[in-house]
Amino acid sequence: MSTSELKTITVIGSGLIGRSWAMIFVSGGFRVKLYDNQPGQAATAVTEIRKQLEELEKANMLRGELSTEQQLALLSGSEDLAQALEGAFFVQECVFEQLEVKQHVFQEAERLVGEDTILSSSTSCLVPSSVFSKVQKRSRCLVSHPVNPPYCVNLVELVPHPETAATVMDTTFTLMTKVGQAPIRLRKEIDGFAVNRIQAAITAESWRLVQDGVISVKDIDLVMSEGLGMRYAFIGPMETMHLNAPEGLEDYMKRYGEGITRVLASFGPVPDFCGEAAKNIYKEMCEVIPSDQQHLSARKERRDQLLMGLAKLKKNH
C-alpha cells in the first residue's frame, strides 16, 4: 500500500466542486471523507460519485491507476464533522461562496484538527486574508482554487494568506501534482486571483463587442474556440507572443506593442451585465443554446467529454 493510501483528506461540502475534489483525491490513492451537514447529502454524493466513476471507467477516461472499485473503497461520507476530520492531514472546503459561512467552517475545523493539518479553501473570489481571518494559526491556510469542472480541467491556483508558511505551499503543490492537477502558485493574494482576472478581461471585451454590434454571440465564441483557444490549450499568452516574432518577446513588443497600447486605450468602461442592454445578449445566447435544463445538461456533458479528451491528448504529448 502506498503512502498516499494511508493518508486521509477531508472534503467539506458535497456539491459539484466537493464531489469533484473527492473524485480527484481518491484517484490519487488518498482516503477521502466527504462531509456535508445536510442529512443524507453526503450519502447521496457518494452514490452520485459511484455512478460518475463507473461511467468514466467505461469511457476509458477514469483518472489515476486505480479501478473504480479501488477508488470507491477509499471514499466515505459523513454528517459528523469531528468524525470526518479525524486523522486528516489536508482539508479542502467547498461550501457556499459566502464569507461568513466559510469563516465559520474554518473556525469549527481548526478546533477539531491537528496542529499540522492544512486548511484549504476552494473559493473562487474571496481572498485568503478574509476567508481565514478568524483562524488562529493562519500559517497553515491557503486557497486551492480549481477551474470548473475540476475533474476535467487540471489547473488549480494556490493562493497564500499573507502568513501562509512556505512549507504549506510546497506540501499542497506536491499533493496537487500527485493527484494529476496542474498547480500554479500566486506569490501574493489579489482580488480574482489569476484565472478570474484573465477571464473577467475576456468576458468584458467579448460582451462589449457583442453589445456594440461588432460581432454576434455565436461568432465571439468562435474567436476563442476556433482561434485563440486552439493555441492557448497548449501554450499561454506569454509564450504565444514569444513565438510570434522572429527574435522572441522583446522583438514582438517592438513590432506590436504600440498597436496593443492603442487597442487597449480604445476599450470602453466595464459593461452592465444585468441591465436592459444585456437582455439582447441573453436572448441571442439562448437562440444558440436554449437555457432549459435539457439543453444545458447536454452541452455540459459534451463540454466535459471534450475537456477530458483534450486532457488525454495533452498528457500523451
Protein backbone atom coordinates (compact mmCIF):
# COMPACT_ATOMS: atom_id res chain seq x y z
CA MET A 1 0.00 0.00 0.00
CA SER A 2 1.41 3.39 -0.98
CA THR A 3 1.99 6.21 1.48
CA SER A 4 -0.86 8.20 -0.03
CA GLU A 5 -3.34 5.42 0.67
CA LEU A 6 -2.57 5.76 4.37
CA LYS A 7 -3.30 9.48 4.39
CA THR A 8 -6.74 11.00 4.85
CA ILE A 9 -8.17 14.08 3.19
CA THR A 10 -11.43 15.65 4.33
CA VAL A 11 -13.64 17.41 1.79
CA ILE A 12 -16.20 19.72 3.39
CA GLY A 13 -19.26 20.23 1.18
CA SER A 14 -20.69 17.64 -1.20
CA GLY A 15 -21.86 19.82 -4.09
CA LEU A 16 -20.37 19.75 -7.59
CA ILE A 17 -16.96 21.08 -6.53
CA GLY A 18 -16.80 18.92 -3.41
CA ARG A 19 -17.67 15.77 -5.36
CA SER A 20 -15.08 16.63 -7.99
CA TRP A 21 -12.36 17.12 -5.38
CA ALA A 22 -13.30 13.81 -3.74
CA MET A 23 -13.00 12.06 -7.11
CA ILE A 24 -9.65 13.71 -7.80
CA PHE A 25 -8.18 12.78 -4.41
CA VAL A 26 -9.29 9.14 -4.47
CA SER A 27 -7.90 8.84 -8.00
CA GLY A 28 -4.50 9.58 -6.44
CA GLY A 29 -4.90 6.87 -3.83
CA PHE A 30 -5.88 9.03 -0.84
CA ARG A 31 -8.54 8.07 1.66
CA VAL A 32 -11.31 10.72 1.43
CA LYS A 33 -14.01 11.59 3.92
CA LEU A 34 -16.73 13.67 2.28
CA TYR A 35 -18.65 15.75 4.82
CA ASP A 36 -21.99 17.54 4.50
CA ASN A 37 -24.10 18.87 7.37
CA GLN A 38 -27.35 18.34 5.49
CA PRO A 39 -28.93 14.97 6.36
CA GLY A 40 -28.46 12.41 3.60
CA GLN A 41 -26.44 14.69 1.33
CA ALA A 42 -23.07 13.02 1.86
CA ALA A 43 -24.55 9.57 1.17
CA THR A 44 -26.27 10.88 -1.95
CA ALA A 45 -22.99 12.41 -3.12
CA VAL A 46 -21.14 9.10 -2.66
CA THR A 47 -23.82 7.36 -4.74
CA GLU A 48 -23.50 10.01 -7.45
CA ILE A 49 -19.71 9.67 -7.43
CA ARG A 50 -20.02 5.91 -7.88
CA LYS A 51 -22.20 6.45 -10.92
CA GLN A 52 -19.79 9.01 -12.40
CA LEU A 53 -16.71 6.87 -11.82
CA GLU A 54 -18.37 3.83 -13.40
CA GLU A 55 -19.29 5.89 -16.46
CA LEU A 56 -15.77 7.31 -16.69
CA GLU A 57 -14.25 3.84 -16.46
CA LYS A 58 -16.50 2.57 -19.27
CA ALA A 59 -15.42 5.55 -21.40
CA ASN A 60 -11.75 4.85 -20.56
CA MET A 61 -11.49 8.32 -19.01
CA LEU A 62 -11.00 7.36 -15.36
CA ARG A 63 -8.17 9.28 -13.73
CA GLY A 64 -5.37 7.57 -11.84
CA GLU A 65 -4.12 3.99 -11.83
CA LEU A 66 -6.78 2.50 -9.54
CA SER A 67 -10.02 0.90 -10.71
CA THR A 68 -13.41 2.34 -9.88
CA GLU A 69 -13.91 -0.15 -7.05
CA GLN A 70 -10.47 0.57 -5.62
CA GLN A 71 -11.18 4.30 -5.66
CA LEU A 72 -14.63 3.89 -4.14
CA ALA A 73 -13.14 1.80 -1.34
CA LEU A 74 -11.19 4.89 -0.31
CA LEU A 75 -14.31 7.11 -0.15
CA SER A 76 -16.79 7.56 2.67
CA GLY A 77 -19.48 10.10 3.53
CA SER A 78 -20.13 11.69 6.88
CA GLU A 79 -22.59 14.00 8.63
CA ASP A 80 -20.37 14.35 11.72
CA LEU A 81 -17.65 16.98 11.31
CA ALA A 82 -15.45 15.68 14.11
CA GLN A 83 -15.53 12.16 12.65
CA ALA A 84 -14.89 13.46 9.15
CA LEU A 85 -11.85 15.47 10.27
CA GLU A 86 -10.31 12.75 12.41
CA GLY A 87 -6.84 11.91 11.09
CA ALA A 88 -6.96 14.34 8.18
CA PHE A 89 -3.68 15.90 7.05
CA PHE A 90 -5.43 18.12 4.48
CA VAL A 91 -8.88 19.73 4.48
CA GLN A 92 -10.49 21.05 1.29
CA GLU A 93 -13.52 23.29 1.93
CA CYS A 94 -16.17 23.52 -0.79
CA VAL A 95 -19.18 25.23 0.79
CA PHE A 96 -21.26 28.16 -0.45
CA GLU A 97 -19.41 31.22 -1.72
CA GLN A 98 -20.40 33.24 1.35
CA LEU A 99 -17.68 34.71 3.51
CA GLU A 100 -19.40 34.22 6.87
CA VAL A 101 -20.18 30.57 6.10
CA LYS A 102 -16.58 29.80 5.13
CA GLN A 103 -15.21 31.64 8.17
CA HIS A 104 -17.46 29.58 10.45
CA VAL A 105 -16.42 26.32 8.76
CA PHE A 106 -12.74 27.03 9.33
CA GLN A 107 -13.30 28.14 12.92
CA GLU A 108 -15.01 24.82 13.60
CA ALA A 109 -12.44 22.81 11.64
CA GLU A 110 -9.48 24.35 13.45
CA ARG A 111 -10.87 23.17 16.79
CA LEU A 112 -11.01 19.59 15.57
CA VAL A 113 -7.82 19.03 13.58
CA GLY A 114 -4.17 18.54 14.48
CA GLU A 115 -1.60 21.34 14.64
CA ASP A 116 -0.10 20.45 11.26
CA THR A 117 -3.33 19.92 9.28
CA ILE A 118 -3.52 22.14 6.21
CA LEU A 119 -6.74 24.13 5.77
CA SER A 120 -7.56 24.86 2.14
CA SER A 121 -10.50 26.69 0.55
CA SER A 122 -11.96 26.25 -2.93
CA THR A 123 -13.20 29.85 -3.01
CA SER A 124 -13.11 31.45 -6.44
CA CYS A 125 -13.28 35.11 -5.43
CA LEU A 126 -12.73 35.60 -1.69
CA VAL A 127 -9.16 36.45 -0.72
CA PRO A 128 -7.44 34.26 1.90
CA SER A 129 -6.97 37.14 4.37
CA SER A 130 -10.78 37.39 4.53
CA VAL A 131 -11.61 33.67 4.46
CA PHE A 132 -9.15 32.79 7.23
CA SER A 133 -9.46 35.94 9.34
CA LYS A 134 -10.97 34.01 12.27
CA VAL A 135 -8.45 31.15 12.19
CA GLN A 136 -5.83 31.28 14.94
CA LYS A 137 -2.96 29.56 13.08
CA ARG A 138 -3.13 31.16 9.64
CA SER A 139 0.28 29.84 8.57
CA ARG A 140 -1.46 26.54 7.72
CA CYS A 141 -4.07 28.17 5.45
CA LEU A 142 -4.33 28.77 1.70
CA VAL A 143 -6.78 28.84 -1.18
CA SER A 144 -6.69 25.98 -3.70
CA HIS A 145 -8.99 27.31 -6.42
CA PRO A 146 -9.91 24.80 -9.14
CA VAL A 147 -11.32 25.52 -12.59
CA ASN A 148 -14.85 24.22 -13.20
CA PRO A 149 -15.26 21.30 -13.86
CA PRO A 150 -12.23 20.35 -11.71
CA TYR A 151 -12.15 16.66 -12.69
CA CYS A 152 -11.81 17.61 -16.37
CA VAL A 153 -9.60 20.73 -16.07
CA ASN A 154 -6.32 20.18 -14.25
CA LEU A 155 -5.36 23.72 -13.26
CA VAL A 156 -5.56 24.74 -9.61
CA GLU A 157 -4.48 28.12 -8.26
CA LEU A 158 -2.63 28.06 -4.94
CA VAL A 159 -3.12 31.43 -3.27
CA PRO A 160 -1.35 32.13 0.03
CA HIS A 161 -2.60 34.05 3.01
CA PRO A 162 -0.02 36.74 3.92
CA GLU A 163 1.02 34.44 6.80
CA THR A 164 0.99 31.11 4.89
CA ALA A 165 4.13 29.07 5.54
CA ALA A 166 6.28 28.16 2.54
CA THR A 167 6.14 24.50 3.59
CA VAL A 168 2.33 24.57 3.37
CA MET A 169 2.51 25.88 -0.20
CA ASP A 170 5.12 23.23 -1.04
CA THR A 171 3.14 20.37 0.50
CA THR A 172 -0.04 21.43 -1.30
CA PHE A 173 1.82 21.80 -4.59
CA THR A 174 3.18 18.27 -4.20
CA LEU A 175 -0.26 16.90 -3.30
CA MET A 176 -1.96 18.54 -6.27
CA THR A 177 0.74 17.29 -8.63
CA LYS A 178 0.42 13.75 -7.26
CA VAL A 179 -3.33 13.64 -7.92
CA GLY A 180 -2.88 14.85 -11.50
CA GLN A 181 -3.70 18.54 -11.13
CA ALA A 182 -1.56 21.29 -12.63
CA PRO A 183 -0.92 23.63 -9.68
CA ILE A 184 0.25 27.20 -10.09
CA ARG A 185 1.50 29.43 -7.28
CA LEU A 186 0.42 33.01 -6.79
CA ARG A 187 3.09 34.94 -4.93
CA LYS A 188 0.52 37.03 -3.09
CA GLU A 189 -3.25 37.36 -2.82
CA ILE A 190 -5.20 39.59 -5.20
CA ASP A 191 -8.92 40.01 -5.88
CA GLY A 192 -9.99 37.47 -8.51
CA PHE A 193 -6.68 35.61 -8.31
CA ALA A 194 -5.17 34.95 -11.77
CA VAL A 195 -7.78 32.82 -13.55
CA ASN A 196 -10.78 35.03 -12.83
CA ARG A 197 -8.90 38.25 -13.58
CA ILE A 198 -7.96 36.95 -17.03
CA GLN A 199 -11.46 35.51 -17.51
CA ALA A 200 -13.05 38.83 -16.48
CA ALA A 201 -10.96 40.72 -19.05
CA ILE A 202 -12.04 38.32 -21.81
CA THR A 203 -15.66 38.43 -20.64
CA ALA A 204 -15.77 42.24 -20.59
CA GLU A 205 -14.34 42.78 -24.07
CA SER A 206 -16.41 39.93 -25.57
CA TRP A 207 -19.54 41.49 -24.03
CA ARG A 208 -18.65 44.96 -25.32
CA LEU A 209 -18.06 43.70 -28.87
CA VAL A 210 -21.46 41.97 -28.92
CA GLN A 211 -23.25 44.86 -27.21
CA ASP A 212 -21.75 47.42 -29.63
CA GLY A 213 -22.96 45.42 -32.65
CA VAL A 214 -19.46 44.45 -33.79
CA ILE A 215 -20.00 40.68 -33.70
CA SER A 216 -22.60 38.06 -32.79
CA VAL A 217 -22.66 35.87 -29.68
CA LYS A 218 -22.02 32.81 -31.81
CA ASP A 219 -19.05 34.34 -33.60
CA ILE A 220 -17.37 35.77 -30.50
CA ASP A 221 -17.36 32.25 -29.06
CA LEU A 222 -15.75 31.02 -32.29
CA VAL A 223 -13.00 33.61 -31.82
CA MET A 224 -11.94 31.59 -28.79
CA SER A 225 -12.92 28.01 -29.63
CA GLU A 226 -11.60 28.02 -33.21
CA GLY A 227 -8.96 30.74 -32.82
CA LEU A 228 -7.20 31.82 -29.65
CA GLY A 229 -8.28 28.77 -27.68
CA MET A 230 -6.63 26.41 -30.17
CA ARG A 231 -3.16 27.59 -29.21
CA TYR A 232 -3.99 28.57 -25.62
CA ALA A 233 -4.87 24.92 -24.98
CA PHE A 234 -1.16 24.16 -25.27
CA ILE A 235 0.75 27.41 -24.80
CA GLY A 236 -0.11 30.57 -22.88
CA PRO A 237 -0.27 34.23 -23.97
CA MET A 238 3.32 34.98 -22.99
CA GLU A 239 4.77 32.08 -24.97
CA THR A 240 2.40 32.86 -27.86
CA MET A 241 3.94 36.32 -28.18
CA HIS A 242 7.45 34.94 -27.69
CA LEU A 243 6.95 32.54 -30.62
CA ASN A 244 5.13 35.03 -32.86
CA ALA A 245 8.18 37.22 -33.59
CA PRO A 246 11.48 36.15 -35.18
CA GLU A 247 13.52 37.12 -32.11
CA GLY A 248 11.12 36.46 -29.26
CA LEU A 249 9.10 38.54 -26.80
CA GLU A 250 11.18 41.74 -26.86
CA ASP A 251 11.07 41.75 -30.66
CA TYR A 252 7.29 41.13 -30.55
CA MET A 253 6.73 44.17 -28.37
CA LYS A 254 8.92 46.35 -30.57
CA ARG A 255 6.76 45.32 -33.54
CA TYR A 256 3.30 45.24 -31.96
CA GLY A 257 3.48 46.97 -28.58
CA GLU A 258 2.29 50.32 -29.94
CA GLY A 259 -0.71 48.68 -31.62
CA ILE A 260 -1.63 46.78 -28.46
CA THR A 261 -1.47 50.01 -26.46
CA ARG A 262 -3.70 51.77 -29.00
CA VAL A 263 -6.30 48.98 -28.90
CA LEU A 264 -6.29 48.85 -25.10
CA ALA A 265 -6.85 52.59 -24.94
CA SER A 266 -9.99 52.16 -27.07
CA PHE A 267 -11.65 49.79 -24.60
CA GLY A 268 -14.83 51.14 -23.08
CA PRO A 269 -15.97 51.07 -19.44
CA VAL A 270 -16.95 47.88 -17.67
CA PRO A 271 -20.24 46.73 -19.27
CA ASP A 272 -23.53 46.47 -17.39
CA PHE A 273 -24.03 42.71 -17.38
CA CYS A 274 -27.52 42.82 -15.86
CA GLY A 275 -29.21 45.95 -17.26
CA GLU A 276 -31.58 46.49 -20.19
CA ALA A 277 -28.76 46.40 -22.73
CA ALA A 278 -27.84 42.91 -21.54
CA LYS A 279 -31.23 41.43 -22.38
CA ASN A 280 -30.49 41.30 -26.11
CA ILE A 281 -27.31 39.36 -25.40
CA TYR A 282 -29.20 36.92 -23.16
CA LYS A 283 -31.74 36.41 -25.94
CA GLU A 284 -29.09 35.88 -28.59
CA MET A 285 -27.26 33.34 -26.43
CA CYS A 286 -30.48 31.40 -25.83
CA GLU A 287 -31.10 31.27 -29.59
CA VAL A 288 -27.78 29.44 -29.89
CA ILE A 289 -28.31 27.22 -26.84
CA PRO A 290 -31.71 27.33 -25.10
CA SER A 291 -31.47 27.80 -21.32
CA ASP A 292 -33.74 24.91 -20.34
CA GLN A 293 -32.15 22.12 -18.30
CA GLN A 294 -32.30 19.56 -21.12
CA HIS A 295 -30.21 21.67 -23.50
CA LEU A 296 -27.82 22.97 -20.81
CA SER A 297 -27.20 19.50 -19.37
CA ALA A 298 -26.47 18.09 -22.82
CA ARG A 299 -23.99 20.88 -23.58
CA LYS A 300 -22.31 20.46 -20.18
CA GLU A 301 -21.91 16.73 -20.81
CA ARG A 302 -20.44 17.48 -24.25
CA ARG A 303 -18.10 20.07 -22.69
CA ASP A 304 -16.85 17.62 -20.08
CA GLN A 305 -16.24 14.86 -22.63
CA LEU A 306 -14.33 17.22 -24.90
CA LEU A 307 -12.25 18.54 -22.00
CA MET A 308 -11.33 15.05 -20.86
CA GLY A 309 -10.43 14.13 -24.42
CA LEU A 310 -8.24 17.21 -24.66
CA ALA A 311 -6.61 16.42 -21.31
CA LYS A 312 -5.79 12.92 -22.54
CA LEU A 313 -4.33 14.33 -25.78
CA LYS A 314 -2.16 16.81 -23.86
CA LYS A 315 -0.94 14.09 -21.50
CA ASN A 316 0.22 12.00 -24.45
CA HIS A 317 2.17 14.88 -25.99
